[in-house]
Amino acid sequence: MQLELTERQIGAVTVLDLAGTLTIDEGAPRLKDKINSLIMQDRTQVVLNMGKVSYIDSGGLGQLVASLGSVRKTTGTLKLLHLSKRNRDLLSITRLVTLFDTFESEDDAIRSFPARTADASPITVHAG
């Protein structure tokens, strides 16, 4: 099954809902292109919702790590949400689980990002 990507914006955080397989020939190139597009837009607080990812191969794992590295170079970060038992085991076996912050709750994942002061509007107080 080809990887489908759906993008949602929650405050300063971009949530990418992934569905399908994350493989070297299907999902990895699409994920790479999407992450690069987000970086170009300075949207570097990213959550990958992996709840509907049925399979990850070595190329998919490599792209997850590459995506994390690309986002971190811009002082952003990438976090994983809703890993299936199979995919969590895969990350554990390959010792990649230590690289990623993983969450079971989207709210917890969103709240785990530091507030971006550049995104906040300045508040002006006028003395009356």
C-alpha atoms as a PDB file:
ATOM      1  CA  MET A   1       0.000   0.000   0.000  1.00  0.00           C
ATOM      2  CA  GLN A   2       1.394   3.370  -1.038  1.00  0.00           C
ATOM      3  CA  LEU A   3       2.124   5.808   1.762  1.00  0.00           C
ATOM      4  CA  GLU A   4      -0.468   8.537   2.137  1.00  0.00           C
ATOM      5  CA  LEU A   5       0.411  11.768   3.949  1.00  0.00           C
ATOM      6  CA  THR A   6      -2.164  14.113   5.420  1.00  0.00           C
ATOM      7  CA  GLU A   7      -0.966  17.375   6.928  1.00  0.00           C
ATOM      8  CA  ARG A   8      -2.585  19.211   9.840  1.00  0.00           C
ATOM      9  CA  GLN A   9      -1.420  22.331  11.656  1.00  0.00           C
ATOM     10  CA  ILE A  10      -2.010  22.627  15.420  1.00  0.00           C
ATOM     11  CA  GLY A  11      -0.576  25.920  16.579  1.00  0.00           C
ATOM     12  CA  ALA A  12       3.126  25.906  15.654  1.00  0.00           C
ATOM     13  CA  VAL A  13       3.189  22.098  15.326  1.00  0.00           C
ATOM     14  CA  THR A  14       2.693  20.267  12.039  1.00  0.00           C
ATOM     15  CA  VAL A  15       1.113  16.830  12.367  1.00  0.00           C
ATOM     16  CA  LEU A  16       1.638  14.454   9.467  1.00  0.00           C
ATOM     17  CA  ASP A  17      -0.794  11.537   9.482  1.00  0.00           C
ATOM     18  CA  LEU A  18       0.864   8.637   7.665  1.00  0.00           C
ATOM     19  CA  ALA A  19      -1.047   5.653   6.309  1.00  0.00           C
ATOM     20  CA  GLY A  20       0.348   2.682   4.379  1.00  0.00           C
ATOM     21  CA  THR A  21       3.885   1.396   4.109  1.00  0.00           C
ATOM     22  CA  LEU A  22       7.070   3.324   4.771  1.00  0.00           C
ATOM     23  CA  THR A  23       9.473   1.627   2.367  1.00  0.00           C
ATOM     24  CA  ILE A  24      12.539   2.638   0.407  1.00  0.00           C
ATOM     25  CA  ASP A  25      10.674   2.741  -2.920  1.00  0.00           C
ATOM     26  CA  GLU A  26       7.277   4.038  -1.805  1.00  0.00           C
ATOM     27  CA  GLY A  27       6.996   5.973   1.430  1.00  0.00           C
ATOM     28  CA  ALA A  28      10.545   7.122   2.105  1.00  0.00           C
ATOM     29  CA  PRO A  29      10.808   9.455  -0.929  1.00  0.00           C
ATOM     30  CA  ARG A  30       7.382  10.978  -0.195  1.00  0.00           C
ATOM     31  CA  LEU A  31       8.281  11.547   3.466  1.00  0.00           C
ATOM     32  CA  LYS A  32      11.631  13.076   2.485  1.00  0.00           C
ATOM     33  CA  ASP A  33       9.943  15.500   0.063  1.00  0.00           C
ATOM     34  CA  LYS A  34       7.319  16.508   2.647  1.00  0.00           C
ATOM     35  CA  ILE A  35       9.875  17.079   5.420  1.00  0.00           C
ATOM     36  CA  ASN A  36      12.053  19.156   3.073  1.00  0.00           C
ATOM     37  CA  SER A  37       8.990  21.206   2.096  1.00  0.00           C
ATOM     38  CA  LEU A  38       8.159  21.843   5.761  1.00  0.00           C
ATOM     39  CA  ILE A  39      11.744  22.895   6.482  1.00  0.00           C
ATOM     40  CA  MET A  40      11.639  25.367   3.573  1.00  0.00           C
ATOM     41  CA  GLN A  41       8.524  26.865   5.191  1.00  0.00           C
ATOM     42  CA  ASP A  42      10.265  27.044   8.612  1.00  0.00           C
ATOM     43  CA  ARG A  43       7.774  24.549  10.031  1.00  0.00           C
ATOM     44  CA  THR A  44      10.156  22.396  12.025  1.00  0.00           C
ATOM     45  CA  GLN A  45       8.067  21.231  14.969  1.00  0.00           C
ATOM     46  CA  VAL A  46       6.764  18.001  13.484  1.00  0.00           C
ATOM     47  CA  VAL A  47       4.772  15.034  14.775  1.00  0.00           C
ATOM     48  CA  LEU A  48       4.540  11.918  12.616  1.00  0.00           C
ATOM     49  CA  ASN A  49       1.323  10.058  13.408  1.00  0.00           C
ATOM     50  CA  MET A  50       2.358   6.477  12.650  1.00  0.00           C
ATOM     51  CA  GLY A  51      -0.909   4.857  13.766  1.00  0.00           C
ATOM     52  CA  LYS A  52      -1.805   3.633  10.266  1.00  0.00           C
ATOM     53  CA  VAL A  53       1.692   2.665   9.106  1.00  0.00           C
ATOM     54  CA  SER A  54       1.459  -1.070   8.507  1.00  0.00           C
ATOM     55  CA  TYR A  55       5.061  -1.788   7.537  1.00  0.00           C
ATOM     56  CA  ILE A  56       8.489  -0.123   7.727  1.00  0.00           C
ATOM     57  CA  ASP A  57      11.558  -1.476   5.913  1.00  0.00           C
ATOM     58  CA  SER A  58      15.212  -0.489   6.298  1.00  0.00           C
ATOM     59  CA  GLY A  59      14.801   2.367   3.827  1.00  0.00           C
ATOM     60  CA  GLY A  60      11.846   3.667   5.802  1.00  0.00           C
ATOM     61  CA  LEU A  61      13.842   3.492   9.034  1.00  0.00           C
ATOM     62  CA  GLY A  62      16.685   5.325   7.345  1.00  0.00           C
ATOM     63  CA  GLN A  63      14.318   8.050   6.186  1.00  0.00           C
ATOM     64  CA  LEU A  64      12.883   8.478   9.686  1.00  0.00           C
ATOM     65  CA  VAL A  65      16.414   9.038  11.003  1.00  0.00           C
ATOM     66  CA  ALA A  66      17.324  11.323   8.091  1.00  0.00           C
ATOM     67  CA  SER A  67      14.136  13.344   8.612  1.00  0.00           C
ATOM     68  CA  LEU A  68      14.920  13.750  12.303  1.00  0.00           C
ATOM     69  CA  GLY A  69      18.434  14.926  11.453  1.00  0.00           C
ATOM     70  CA  SER A  70      17.207  17.388   8.826  1.00  0.00           C
ATOM     71  CA  VAL A  71      14.675  18.941  11.173  1.00  0.00           C
ATOM     72  CA  ARG A  72      17.161  19.121  14.063  1.00  0.00           C
ATOM     73  CA  LYS A  73      19.655  21.002  11.863  1.00  0.00           C
ATOM     74  CA  THR A  74      17.114  23.831  11.823  1.00  0.00           C
ATOM     75  CA  THR A  75      16.710  23.675  15.643  1.00  0.00           C
ATOM     76  CA  GLY A  76      13.386  21.900  15.249  1.00  0.00           C
ATOM     77  CA  THR A  77      12.468  18.360  16.156  1.00  0.00           C
ATOM     78  CA  LEU A  78      10.409  15.441  14.971  1.00  0.00           C
ATOM     79  CA  LYS A  79       8.381  13.207  17.282  1.00  0.00           C
ATOM     80  CA  LEU A  80       6.525   9.949  16.706  1.00  0.00           C
ATOM     81  CA  LEU A  81       2.924   9.280  17.645  1.00  0.00           C
ATOM     82  CA  HIS A  82       0.887   6.060  17.842  1.00  0.00           C
ATOM     83  CA  LEU A  83       3.567   3.497  17.031  1.00  0.00           C
ATOM     84  CA  SER A  84       2.093   0.029  16.616  1.00  0.00           C
ATOM     85  CA  LYS A  85       3.614  -2.733  18.716  1.00  0.00           C
ATOM     86  CA  ARG A  86       5.339  -4.118  15.623  1.00  0.00           C
ATOM     87  CA  ASN A  87       6.853  -0.759  14.658  1.00  0.00           C
ATOM     88  CA  ARG A  88       7.835   0.032  18.267  1.00  0.00           C
ATOM     89  CA  ASP A  89       9.558  -3.380  18.464  1.00  0.00           C
ATOM     90  CA  LEU A  90      11.347  -2.642  15.187  1.00  0.00           C
ATOM     91  CA  LEU A  91      12.661   0.663  16.536  1.00  0.00           C
ATOM     92  CA  SER A  92      13.708  -1.088  19.765  1.00  0.00           C
ATOM     93  CA  ILE A  93      15.524  -3.929  18.010  1.00  0.00           C
ATOM     94  CA  THR A  94      17.430  -1.470  15.820  1.00  0.00           C
ATOM     95  CA  ARG A  95      18.093   0.760  18.865  1.00  0.00           C
ATOM     96  CA  LEU A  96      16.579   3.716  17.036  1.00  0.00           C
ATOM     97  CA  VAL A  97      13.864   4.156  19.650  1.00  0.00           C
ATOM     98  CA  THR A  98      16.345   6.129  21.751  1.00  0.00           C
ATOM     99  CA  LEU A  99      16.593   8.807  19.050  1.00  0.00           C
ATOM    100  CA  PHE A 100      12.912   9.670  19.007  1.00  0.00           C
ATOM    101  CA  ASP A 101      10.424  11.018  21.498  1.00  0.00           C
ATOM    102  CA  THR A 102       7.381   8.778  21.153  1.00  0.00           C
ATOM    103  CA  PHE A 103       3.838   9.414  22.342  1.00  0.00           C
ATOM    104  CA  GLU A 104       0.525   7.606  22.618  1.00  0.00           C
ATOM    105  CA  SER A 105      -1.486  10.839  22.970  1.00  0.00           C
ATOM    106  CA  GLU A 106      -1.547  13.567  20.332  1.00  0.00           C
ATOM    107  CA  ASP A 107      -2.208  16.185  23.021  1.00  0.00           C
ATOM    108  CA  ASP A 108       0.883  15.054  24.948  1.00  0.00           C
ATOM    109  CA  ALA A 109       2.978  15.155  21.778  1.00  0.00           C
ATOM    110  CA  ILE A 110       1.821  18.688  20.936  1.00  0.00           C
ATOM    111  CA  ARG A 111       2.391  19.930  24.502  1.00  0.00           C
ATOM    112  CA  SER A 112       5.910  18.475  24.552  1.00  0.00           C
ATOM    113  CA  PHE A 113       7.173  21.139  22.157  1.00  0.00           C
ATOM    114  CA  PRO A 114       8.577  24.327  23.661  1.00  0.00           C
ATOM    115  CA  ALA A 115       6.577  27.457  22.948  1.00  0.00           C
ATOM    116  CA  ARG A 116       8.003  29.353  20.002  1.00  0.00           C
ATOM    117  CA  THR A 117       8.272  32.960  21.048  1.00  0.00           C
ATOM    118  CA  ALA A 118       8.791  34.033  17.430  1.00  0.00           C
ATOM    119  CA  ASP A 119       5.286  32.798  16.663  1.00  0.00           C
ATOM    120  CA  ALA A 120       3.700  34.737  19.495  1.00  0.00           C
ATOM    121  CA  SER A 121       2.211  38.117  18.844  1.00  0.00           C
ATOM    122  CA  PRO A 122       3.653  40.879  20.947  1.00  0.00           C
ATOM    123  CA  ILE A 123       1.397  42.123  23.709  1.00  0.00           C
ATOM    124  CA  THR A 124       1.221  45.841  24.221  1.00  0.00           C
ATOM    125  CA  VAL A 125      -0.052  47.227  27.518  1.00  0.00           C
ATOM    126  CA  HIS A 126      -1.185  50.833  27.550  1.00  0.00           C
ATOM    127  CA  ALA A 127      -1.326  52.695  30.804  1.00  0.00           C
ATOM    128  CA  GLY A 128      -4.634  54.471  31.188  1.00  0.00           C
END
